């Protein structure tokens, strides 16, 4: 082989290496682009969500009464403020009625005493 042949082969090898390097760089650029990362994250989240939903359905089918109790407890926890207000109103009505009755009785006693 002559020097020019070796140089030509070396240049061809450099061109092939450069082409592979650029191809790899473009592939990496595509992999780490925000659009691709967001798409892959969304896809992974959907798969995890589907798996979670499937596991939940299986668990509810296996233990419907326990699941009902958990849902009821969670609902009561989330609705605790309105439930407390409602209980206060129910209890408060009875107390107010008793207070009114006792005031009325005192007024009646005062009127009869006069």
Protein backbone atom coordinates (compact mmCIF):
# COMPACT_ATOMS: atom_id res chain seq x y z
CA UNK A 1 0.00 0.00 0.00
CA UNK A 2 1.12 3.42 -0.79
CA UNK A 3 0.85 6.46 1.38
CA UNK A 4 -1.99 7.91 -0.70
CA UNK A 5 -3.97 4.67 -0.43
CA UNK A 6 -3.48 4.60 3.34
CA UNK A 7 -4.46 8.24 3.58
CA UNK A 8 -7.58 7.62 1.49
CA UNK A 9 -8.53 4.63 3.66
CA UNK A 10 -7.89 6.63 6.82
CA UNK A 11 -10.06 9.45 5.53
CA UNK A 12 -12.81 6.98 4.64
CA UNK A 13 -12.59 5.49 8.15
CA UNK A 14 -12.73 9.00 9.67
CA UNK A 15 -15.80 9.77 7.58
CA UNK A 16 -17.50 6.54 8.70
CA UNK A 17 -16.62 7.26 12.34
CA UNK A 18 -17.84 10.84 12.03
CA UNK A 19 -21.08 9.60 10.47
CA UNK A 20 -21.62 7.08 13.33
CA UNK A 21 -20.80 9.74 15.90
CA UNK A 22 -23.24 12.22 14.35
CA UNK A 23 -25.92 9.53 14.12
CA UNK A 24 -25.42 8.70 17.80
CA UNK A 25 -25.50 12.40 18.71
CA UNK A 26 -28.78 12.89 16.82
CA UNK A 27 -30.27 9.81 18.47
CA UNK A 28 -29.25 11.10 21.91
CA UNK A 29 -30.61 14.53 21.08
CA UNK A 30 -33.95 12.95 20.14
CA UNK A 31 -34.00 10.86 23.33
CA UNK A 32 -33.40 13.80 25.64
CA UNK A 33 -35.60 16.32 23.88
CA UNK A 34 -38.32 17.72 26.16
CA UNK A 35 -41.04 16.48 23.83
CA UNK A 36 -39.73 12.91 23.91
CA UNK A 37 -39.15 12.99 27.67
CA UNK A 38 -42.68 14.31 28.25
CA UNK A 39 -44.17 11.69 25.92
CA UNK A 40 -42.29 8.86 27.64
CA UNK A 41 -43.21 10.15 31.09
CA UNK A 42 -46.88 10.42 30.12
CA UNK A 43 -46.82 6.94 28.63
CA UNK A 44 -45.23 5.53 31.78
CA UNK A 45 -47.74 7.32 34.00
CA UNK A 46 -50.66 5.97 31.96
CA UNK A 47 -49.29 2.44 32.22
CA UNK A 48 -48.76 2.77 35.98
CA UNK A 49 -52.24 4.24 36.37
CA UNK A 50 -53.78 1.40 34.38
CA UNK A 51 -51.91 -1.16 36.48
CA UNK A 52 -52.98 0.56 39.69
CA UNK A 53 -56.61 0.69 38.55
CA UNK A 54 -56.53 -2.98 37.61
CA UNK A 55 -55.02 -3.94 40.97
CA UNK A 56 -57.61 -1.83 42.77
CA UNK A 57 -60.49 -3.48 40.92
CA UNK A 58 -59.06 -6.90 41.77
CA UNK A 59 -58.72 -5.94 45.44
CA UNK A 60 -62.30 -4.62 45.59
CA UNK A 61 -63.62 -7.77 43.97
CA UNK A 62 -61.71 -9.88 46.49
CA UNK A 63 -62.89 -7.90 49.55
CA UNK A 64 -65.99 -5.82 48.77
CA UNK A 65 -66.98 -5.17 52.42
CA UNK A 66 -63.53 -3.97 53.42
CA UNK A 67 -63.42 -1.73 50.37
CA UNK A 68 -66.83 -0.29 51.24
CA UNK A 69 -65.65 0.45 54.77
CA UNK A 70 -62.52 2.16 53.52
CA UNK A 71 -64.51 4.28 51.06
CA UNK A 72 -67.00 5.21 53.79
CA UNK A 73 -64.19 6.18 56.20
CA UNK A 74 -62.45 8.21 53.51
CA UNK A 75 -65.70 9.95 52.60
CA UNK A 76 -66.39 10.80 56.23
CA UNK A 77 -62.86 12.13 56.62
CA UNK A 78 -63.17 14.34 53.54
CA UNK A 79 -66.63 15.54 54.55
CA UNK A 80 -65.76 16.02 58.23
CA UNK A 81 -66.38 19.78 58.30
CA UNK A 82 -69.92 19.62 56.86
CA UNK A 83 -70.68 16.64 59.10
CA UNK A 84 -69.45 18.50 62.19
CA UNK A 85 -71.54 21.53 61.21
CA UNK A 86 -74.58 19.31 60.71
CA UNK A 87 -74.08 17.62 64.07
CA UNK A 88 -73.69 21.01 65.71
CA UNK A 89 -76.91 22.22 64.16
CA UNK A 90 -78.81 19.13 65.25
CA UNK A 91 -77.46 19.35 68.80
CA UNK A 92 -77.78 23.13 68.82
CA UNK A 93 -81.46 22.98 67.89
CA UNK A 94 -82.21 20.81 70.89
CA UNK A 95 -80.22 23.08 73.22
CA UNK A 96 -81.83 26.21 71.81
CA UNK A 97 -85.27 24.70 72.26
CA UNK A 98 -84.47 23.84 75.88
CA UNK A 99 -83.09 27.34 76.48
CA UNK A 100 -86.22 28.89 74.99
CA UNK A 101 -88.43 26.68 77.14
CA UNK A 102 -86.54 27.57 80.30
CA UNK A 103 -86.67 31.30 79.47
CA UNK A 104 -90.38 31.03 78.81
CA UNK A 105 -90.88 29.22 82.11
CA UNK A 106 -88.92 31.93 83.96
CA UNK A 107 -90.95 34.65 82.24
CA UNK A 108 -94.17 32.83 83.18
CA UNK A 109 -93.00 32.51 86.78
CA UNK A 110 -92.11 36.21 86.87
CA UNK A 111 -95.51 37.17 85.44
CA UNK A 112 -97.41 34.99 87.90
CA UNK A 113 -95.31 36.32 90.79
CA UNK A 114 -96.20 39.89 89.93
